[in-house]
Amino acid sequence: QVQLVESGGGLVQAGGSLRLSCAASGRTFDNFAMGWFRQAPGKDREFVVFISWSGTRSYYADSVKGRFTISRDNAANTVHLQMNSLKPEDTAVYYCAAKLGRAIFPAKVPSLYDYWGQGTQVTVSS
């Protein structure tokens, strides 16, 4: 079993930045690829970014490419999502997810992930 806890969400003005963190516990962290998803009210959960178990490969949704940066610290069992140049359309609940196995190709579908955090709200005002 893996427990994931997100933090760092909040309210920010358009153009601002936030840094989300996801702390993992329960199993060896570097056995998991990680992803961030988001879900706005009335919409499906949407892929944001994927990072491989080693952190050497990452894949971004087109909507966030160039503005968001994912990183991971396997020694600290943590994944971070640096979000810059935020837009109102980035407003959503952001979830981190863990996919068992040392996948290097992106998993963009929520059903491919084995564990989920509870989510953290990000609100971007215009």
N, C-alpha and C. Protein backbone atom coordinates (compact mmCIF):
# COMPACT_ATOMS: atom_id res chain seq x y z
N GLN A 1 0.84 -1.19 0.00
CA GLN A 1 0.00 0.00 0.00
C GLN A 1 0.88 1.25 0.00
N VAL A 2 0.43 2.26 -0.70
CA VAL A 2 1.14 3.53 -0.78
C VAL A 2 0.18 4.64 -0.39
N GLN A 3 0.65 5.53 0.43
CA GLN A 3 -0.12 6.71 0.78
C GLN A 3 0.51 7.93 0.12
N LEU A 4 -0.31 8.73 -0.49
CA LEU A 4 0.14 9.95 -1.17
C LEU A 4 -0.58 11.14 -0.56
N VAL A 5 0.18 12.16 -0.23
CA VAL A 5 -0.40 13.36 0.36
C VAL A 5 0.10 14.57 -0.41
N GLU A 6 -0.83 15.30 -1.03
CA GLU A 6 -0.47 16.51 -1.77
C GLU A 6 -0.53 17.72 -0.84
N SER A 7 0.25 18.72 -1.19
CA SER A 7 0.21 19.99 -0.48
C SER A 7 0.66 21.09 -1.43
N GLY A 8 0.41 22.33 -1.02
CA GLY A 8 0.91 23.46 -1.78
C GLY A 8 -0.12 24.19 -2.62
N GLY A 9 -1.34 23.68 -2.65
CA GLY A 9 -2.36 24.37 -3.41
C GLY A 9 -2.76 25.68 -2.75
N GLY A 10 -3.56 26.45 -3.47
CA GLY A 10 -4.02 27.72 -2.91
C GLY A 10 -4.61 28.61 -3.97
N LEU A 11 -4.77 29.86 -3.59
CA LEU A 11 -5.33 30.88 -4.49
C LEU A 11 -4.20 31.78 -4.97
N VAL A 12 -4.15 32.00 -6.27
CA VAL A 12 -3.10 32.83 -6.84
C VAL A 12 -3.68 33.62 -8.01
N GLN A 13 -3.12 34.77 -8.27
CA GLN A 13 -3.56 35.57 -9.41
C GLN A 13 -2.96 35.02 -10.70
N ALA A 14 -3.64 35.30 -11.79
CA ALA A 14 -3.12 34.89 -13.09
C ALA A 14 -1.71 35.44 -13.28
N GLY A 15 -0.84 34.60 -13.82
CA GLY A 15 0.55 34.96 -13.99
C GLY A 15 1.43 34.56 -12.83
N GLY A 16 0.82 34.17 -11.74
CA GLY A 16 1.56 33.79 -10.56
C GLY A 16 2.06 32.35 -10.60
N SER A 17 2.64 31.93 -9.49
CA SER A 17 3.24 30.60 -9.40
C SER A 17 2.80 29.89 -8.13
N LEU A 18 2.79 28.58 -8.22
CA LEU A 18 2.59 27.72 -7.06
C LEU A 18 3.48 26.50 -7.21
N ARG A 19 3.85 25.91 -6.09
CA ARG A 19 4.63 24.68 -6.11
C ARG A 19 3.87 23.62 -5.31
N LEU A 20 3.44 22.59 -6.01
CA LEU A 20 2.76 21.49 -5.37
C LEU A 20 3.77 20.42 -4.98
N SER A 21 3.50 19.75 -3.89
CA SER A 21 4.32 18.64 -3.46
C SER A 21 3.44 17.42 -3.21
N CYS A 22 4.03 16.27 -3.41
CA CYS A 22 3.34 15.01 -3.13
C CYS A 22 4.31 14.14 -2.34
N ALA A 23 3.95 13.83 -1.13
CA ALA A 23 4.78 13.00 -0.26
C ALA A 23 4.22 11.59 -0.25
N ALA A 24 5.10 10.63 -0.48
CA ALA A 24 4.69 9.23 -0.55
C ALA A 24 5.25 8.45 0.63
N SER A 25 4.49 7.47 1.05
CA SER A 25 4.96 6.58 2.11
C SER A 25 4.35 5.21 1.89
N GLY A 26 5.00 4.21 2.44
CA GLY A 26 4.44 2.87 2.43
C GLY A 26 5.20 1.85 1.63
N ARG A 27 5.78 2.24 0.51
CA ARG A 27 6.55 1.30 -0.30
C ARG A 27 7.74 2.02 -0.91
N THR A 28 8.63 1.24 -1.48
CA THR A 28 9.83 1.83 -2.07
C THR A 28 9.45 2.78 -3.19
N PHE A 29 9.77 4.03 -3.00
CA PHE A 29 9.29 5.08 -3.90
C PHE A 29 9.83 4.94 -5.30
N ASP A 30 11.06 4.48 -5.45
CA ASP A 30 11.61 4.42 -6.80
C ASP A 30 11.13 3.21 -7.58
N ASN A 31 10.16 2.49 -7.05
CA ASN A 31 9.48 1.45 -7.82
C ASN A 31 8.24 1.99 -8.53
N PHE A 32 8.03 3.30 -8.44
CA PHE A 32 6.83 3.90 -8.99
C PHE A 32 7.17 5.01 -9.97
N ALA A 33 6.47 5.01 -11.10
CA ALA A 33 6.38 6.21 -11.90
C ALA A 33 5.28 7.06 -11.28
N MET A 34 5.36 8.36 -11.50
CA MET A 34 4.40 9.27 -10.87
C MET A 34 3.74 10.16 -11.91
N GLY A 35 2.55 10.58 -11.58
CA GLY A 35 1.85 11.50 -12.47
C GLY A 35 1.06 12.52 -11.67
N TRP A 36 0.78 13.62 -12.32
CA TRP A 36 -0.14 14.62 -11.79
C TRP A 36 -1.33 14.73 -12.75
N PHE A 37 -2.49 14.77 -12.17
CA PHE A 37 -3.73 14.98 -12.92
C PHE A 37 -4.47 16.14 -12.28
N ARG A 38 -5.45 16.64 -12.98
CA ARG A 38 -6.29 17.69 -12.41
C ARG A 38 -7.73 17.49 -12.87
N GLN A 39 -8.63 18.00 -12.05
CA GLN A 39 -10.04 17.87 -12.36
C GLN A 39 -10.76 19.15 -11.97
N ALA A 40 -11.32 19.78 -12.99
CA ALA A 40 -12.12 20.98 -12.78
C ALA A 40 -13.59 20.58 -12.60
N PRO A 41 -14.38 21.42 -11.98
CA PRO A 41 -15.79 21.07 -11.76
C PRO A 41 -16.51 20.74 -13.06
N GLY A 42 -17.19 19.61 -13.07
CA GLY A 42 -17.95 19.21 -14.23
C GLY A 42 -17.15 18.62 -15.37
N LYS A 43 -15.86 18.42 -15.14
CA LYS A 43 -15.00 17.89 -16.20
C LYS A 43 -14.35 16.59 -15.75
N ASP A 44 -13.86 15.84 -16.72
CA ASP A 44 -13.14 14.62 -16.43
C ASP A 44 -11.76 14.92 -15.85
N ARG A 45 -11.22 13.94 -15.17
CA ARG A 45 -9.85 14.08 -14.67
C ARG A 45 -8.91 14.12 -15.87
N GLU A 46 -7.99 15.07 -15.83
CA GLU A 46 -7.15 15.38 -16.99
C GLU A 46 -5.68 15.15 -16.66
N PHE A 47 -4.97 14.52 -17.57
CA PHE A 47 -3.53 14.31 -17.42
C PHE A 47 -2.80 15.64 -17.48
N VAL A 48 -1.84 15.80 -16.59
CA VAL A 48 -1.01 17.01 -16.57
C VAL A 48 0.44 16.67 -16.92
N VAL A 49 1.02 15.72 -16.18
CA VAL A 49 2.43 15.43 -16.38
C VAL A 49 2.75 14.05 -15.81
N PHE A 50 3.76 13.41 -16.40
CA PHE A 50 4.25 12.11 -15.98
C PHE A 50 5.75 12.21 -15.77
N ILE A 51 6.24 11.49 -14.75
CA ILE A 51 7.69 11.40 -14.56
C ILE A 51 8.05 9.95 -14.29
N SER A 52 9.12 9.50 -14.93
CA SER A 52 9.54 8.12 -14.77
C SER A 52 10.10 7.87 -13.37
N TRP A 53 10.32 6.62 -13.04
CA TRP A 53 10.76 6.27 -11.69
C TRP A 53 12.10 6.91 -11.34
N SER A 54 12.96 7.07 -12.34
CA SER A 54 14.28 7.64 -12.10
C SER A 54 14.28 9.16 -12.17
N GLY A 55 13.23 9.72 -12.72
CA GLY A 55 13.18 11.16 -12.90
C GLY A 55 13.83 11.65 -14.17
N THR A 56 14.34 10.73 -14.98
CA THR A 56 15.07 11.14 -16.18
C THR A 56 14.15 11.42 -17.36
N ARG A 57 12.92 10.95 -17.28
CA ARG A 57 11.97 11.20 -18.36
C ARG A 57 10.69 11.84 -17.82
N SER A 58 10.23 12.85 -18.51
CA SER A 58 8.97 13.48 -18.13
C SER A 58 8.20 13.86 -19.39
N TYR A 59 6.90 13.86 -19.27
CA TYR A 59 6.02 14.17 -20.40
C TYR A 59 4.91 15.07 -19.88
N TYR A 60 4.64 16.12 -20.64
CA TYR A 60 3.69 17.14 -20.22
C TYR A 60 2.50 17.21 -21.18
N ALA A 61 1.35 17.53 -20.65
CA ALA A 61 0.23 17.88 -21.50
C ALA A 61 0.56 19.16 -22.24
N ASP A 62 0.06 19.29 -23.45
CA ASP A 62 0.36 20.48 -24.25
C ASP A 62 -0.08 21.76 -23.53
N SER A 63 -1.14 21.66 -22.78
CA SER A 63 -1.69 22.84 -22.13
C SER A 63 -0.79 23.42 -21.04
N VAL A 64 0.16 22.63 -20.55
CA VAL A 64 1.03 23.11 -19.47
C VAL A 64 2.50 23.14 -19.87
N LYS A 65 2.81 22.65 -21.03
CA LYS A 65 4.19 22.56 -21.47
C LYS A 65 4.82 23.95 -21.50
N GLY A 66 6.01 24.04 -20.94
CA GLY A 66 6.70 25.32 -20.89
C GLY A 66 6.36 26.16 -19.67
N ARG A 67 5.32 25.79 -18.96
CA ARG A 67 4.92 26.54 -17.75
C ARG A 67 5.07 25.71 -16.48
N PHE A 68 4.88 24.41 -16.59
CA PHE A 68 4.96 23.52 -15.42
C PHE A 68 6.24 22.69 -15.52
N THR A 69 6.79 22.37 -14.36
CA THR A 69 7.98 21.52 -14.31
C THR A 69 7.82 20.51 -13.17
N ILE A 70 7.99 19.25 -13.51
CA ILE A 70 7.91 18.20 -12.51
C ILE A 70 9.32 17.76 -12.12
N SER A 71 9.46 17.38 -10.86
CA SER A 71 10.73 16.83 -10.39
C SER A 71 10.42 15.83 -9.28
N ARG A 72 11.37 14.97 -9.02
CA ARG A 72 11.18 14.03 -7.93
C ARG A 72 12.47 13.85 -7.16
N ASP A 73 12.33 13.55 -5.89
CA ASP A 73 13.46 13.28 -5.02
C ASP A 73 13.20 11.93 -4.38
N ASN A 74 13.82 10.91 -4.94
CA ASN A 74 13.53 9.55 -4.45
C ASN A 74 14.04 9.34 -3.02
N ALA A 75 15.09 10.03 -2.66
CA ALA A 75 15.60 9.90 -1.30
C ALA A 75 14.60 10.46 -0.29
N ALA A 76 13.85 11.46 -0.71
CA ALA A 76 12.86 12.09 0.18
C ALA A 76 11.44 11.61 -0.08
N ASN A 77 11.27 10.69 -1.02
CA ASN A 77 9.95 10.15 -1.36
C ASN A 77 8.97 11.26 -1.73
N THR A 78 9.44 12.18 -2.54
CA THR A 78 8.62 13.35 -2.84
C THR A 78 8.66 13.69 -4.33
N VAL A 79 7.54 14.15 -4.82
CA VAL A 79 7.44 14.69 -6.17
C VAL A 79 6.95 16.13 -6.06
N HIS A 80 7.52 16.99 -6.89
CA HIS A 80 7.13 18.39 -6.89
C HIS A 80 6.61 18.78 -8.26
N LEU A 81 5.68 19.72 -8.26
CA LEU A 81 5.19 20.29 -9.50
C LEU A 81 5.26 21.80 -9.38
N GLN A 82 6.22 22.38 -10.08
CA GLN A 82 6.36 23.84 -10.11
C GLN A 82 5.48 24.37 -11.22
N MET A 83 4.56 25.25 -10.85
CA MET A 83 3.61 25.79 -11.82
C MET A 83 3.81 27.30 -11.93
N ASN A 84 4.23 27.74 -13.10
CA ASN A 84 4.47 29.16 -13.36
C ASN A 84 3.49 29.68 -14.40
N SER A 85 3.39 30.97 -14.50
CA SER A 85 2.52 31.62 -15.48
C SER A 85 1.12 31.01 -15.45
N LEU A 86 0.59 30.90 -14.27
CA LEU A 86 -0.72 30.25 -14.11
C LEU A 86 -1.83 31.05 -14.78
N LYS A 87 -2.80 30.30 -15.28
CA LYS A 87 -3.93 30.88 -15.98
C LYS A 87 -5.22 30.46 -15.27
N PRO A 88 -6.28 31.21 -15.43
CA PRO A 88 -7.56 30.82 -14.81
C PRO A 88 -8.00 29.41 -15.21
N GLU A 89 -7.68 29.00 -16.41
CA GLU A 89 -8.07 27.66 -16.85
C GLU A 89 -7.26 26.55 -16.18
N ASP A 90 -6.25 26.91 -15.40
CA ASP A 90 -5.53 25.92 -14.61
C ASP A 90 -6.25 25.60 -13.31
N THR A 91 -7.30 26.32 -13.02
CA THR A 91 -8.05 26.09 -11.79
C THR A 91 -8.65 24.70 -11.78
N ALA A 92 -8.34 23.94 -10.72
CA ALA A 92 -8.79 22.55 -10.61
C ALA A 92 -8.30 21.98 -9.28
N VAL A 93 -8.79 20.80 -8.97
CA VAL A 93 -8.18 20.00 -7.92
C VAL A 93 -7.07 19.18 -8.57
N TYR A 94 -5.89 19.26 -8.00
CA TYR A 94 -4.73 18.57 -8.54
C TYR A 94 -4.45 17.32 -7.70
N TYR A 95 -4.26 16.22 -8.40
CA TYR A 95 -4.01 14.94 -7.76
C TYR A 95 -2.66 14.38 -8.19
N CYS A 96 -1.92 13.82 -7.26
CA CYS A 96 -0.77 13.03 -7.66
C CYS A 96 -1.15 11.56 -7.62
N ALA A 97 -0.49 10.79 -8.45
CA ALA A 97 -0.81 9.38 -8.60
C ALA A 97 0.47 8.59 -8.80
N ALA A 98 0.45 7.36 -8.33
CA ALA A 98 1.60 6.46 -8.43
C ALA A 98 1.24 5.23 -9.25
N LYS A 99 2.15 4.90 -10.14
CA LYS A 99 1.97 3.73 -11.00
C LYS A 99 3.09 2.75 -10.70
N LEU A 100 2.72 1.59 -10.20
CA LEU A 100 3.71 0.59 -9.83
C LEU A 100 4.49 0.12 -11.05
N GLY A 101 5.80 0.06 -10.89
CA GLY A 101 6.64 -0.41 -11.98
C GLY A 101 7.50 0.71 -12.53
N ARG A 102 8.58 0.32 -13.15
CA ARG A 102 9.56 1.30 -13.64
C ARG A 102 9.26 1.68 -15.10
N ALA A 103 8.06 2.17 -15.28
CA ALA A 103 7.65 2.60 -16.62
C ALA A 103 8.45 3.82 -17.04
N ILE A 104 8.80 3.87 -18.30
CA ILE A 104 9.50 5.05 -18.82
C ILE A 104 8.68 5.78 -19.85
N PHE A 105 7.62 5.12 -20.34
CA PHE A 105 6.74 5.79 -21.27
C PHE A 105 5.52 6.31 -20.53
N PRO A 106 5.00 7.46 -20.95
CA PRO A 106 3.99 8.14 -20.14
C PRO A 106 2.69 7.37 -20.05
N ALA A 107 2.14 7.35 -18.85
CA ALA A 107 0.81 6.82 -18.61
C ALA A 107 -0.10 8.02 -18.45
N LYS A 108 -0.99 8.24 -19.42
CA LYS A 108 -1.80 9.44 -19.44
C LYS A 108 -3.25 9.18 -19.06
N VAL A 109 -3.56 7.95 -18.75
CA VAL A 109 -4.93 7.56 -18.42
C VAL A 109 -5.02 7.27 -16.93
N PRO A 110 -5.98 7.87 -16.24
CA PRO A 110 -6.07 7.66 -14.78
C PRO A 110 -6.14 6.20 -14.36
N SER A 111 -6.81 5.37 -15.13
CA SER A 111 -7.00 3.97 -14.74
C SER A 111 -5.69 3.19 -14.71
N LEU A 112 -4.63 3.73 -15.28
CA LEU A 112 -3.34 3.04 -15.29
C LEU A 112 -2.58 3.21 -13.97
N TYR A 113 -3.06 4.08 -13.12
CA TYR A 113 -2.37 4.35 -11.87
C TYR A 113 -2.97 3.53 -10.73
N ASP A 114 -2.09 3.19 -9.79
CA ASP A 114 -2.48 2.28 -8.72
C ASP A 114 -2.88 3.00 -7.43
N TYR A 115 -2.32 4.17 -7.21
CA TYR A 115 -2.58 4.89 -5.96
C TYR A 115 -2.78 6.37 -6.25
N TRP A 116 -3.63 6.99 -5.43
CA TRP A 116 -3.97 8.40 -5.61
C TRP A 116 -3.94 9.14 -4.27
N GLY A 117 -3.57 10.40 -4.36
CA GLY A 117 -3.70 11.27 -3.21
C GLY A 117 -5.11 11.83 -3.12
N GLN A 118 -5.33 12.64 -2.11
CA GLN A 118 -6.67 13.17 -1.86
C GLN A 118 -6.94 14.44 -2.66
N GLY A 119 -5.90 15.02 -3.23
CA GLY A 119 -6.06 16.21 -4.06
C GLY A 119 -5.82 17.49 -3.29
N THR A 120 -5.40 18.51 -4.02
CA THR A 120 -5.21 19.84 -3.45
C THR A 120 -5.78 20.87 -4.44
N GLN A 121 -6.51 21.83 -3.91
CA GLN A 121 -7.20 22.79 -4.76
C GLN A 121 -6.24 23.89 -5.21
N VAL A 122 -6.28 24.17 -6.50
CA VAL A 122 -5.55 25.30 -7.07
C VAL A 122 -6.58 26.21 -7.74
N THR A 123 -6.60 27.45 -7.32
CA THR A 123 -7.53 28.42 -7.89
C THR A 123 -6.73 29.61 -8.41
N VAL A 124 -6.94 29.91 -9.68
CA VAL A 124 -6.23 31.03 -10.32
C VAL A 124 -7.27 32.08 -10.68
N SER A 125 -7.12 33.25 -10.11
CA SER A 125 -8.07 34.32 -10.37
C SER A 125 -7.57 35.20 -11.52
N SER A 126 -8.52 35.75 -12.25
CA SER A 126 -8.15 36.58 -13.41
C SER A 126 -8.00 38.04 -13.02
